[in-house]
Amino acid sequence: MRKFAFVITLAVLAIAMAGTAFAADAFPAFKSYNLAGEEVSQEIFAGKKLTMINFWGTYCPPCISEMPDLGELGRSMPEGTQLVGIVIDVGDKETFEKAIEITKTANADFPNILISQEMIPYLETIVAVPTTIFVDAQGNVIGEPIVGSRSGKAYRGEVEKALKLLP
């Protein structure tokens, strides 16, 4: 756990220091971990025509308040789609445990991934949390980012809108 927390801490600190220009039209290839401690990569997008990615933080009241709706949405996504969360602020054991507690309390049982070094340039394009984007099976961003929290019904409409943008 110590090595894992150290890597994530470096990633969190690098957000402020990263100055690399990055195209926001594709999500970067990455290797990270989910809240269950399992390794995850961009392969999580493969096999799904659309993935809704919700960037959130454990310090963010709007992120936490929308989590129950996201949990419900995650269990009822249209066929060929999925919901994935990315927790942007896990840098130590306490924050890691807080993220687990938030998702358990909200019954948000969709995959939640910790940020990795490879994601940092993309995170520079995010102005606030929660922010939600959609990507296709190859990680290409579909549509525009959604900044701010939404109801499950509103997100469902956004999923349908993003599906119509796919080739």
Foldseek 3Di string as FASTA:
>chain_A
DVVLLQQLQVLLVCLVVDDDADDLQFQFWDWFAWLVRDIDTLQVQAQAFKEKEWEAELVDPQRLVQQLQQLVCQVVPPPRYGYEYEYEDRRDPVRSVSVVVSCVVSNNPGTYTYDGNRRSNNCNVDDDPGKMWMAGSRRGTFDDIDHTHDGSVVVNVVSVVSVVRRD
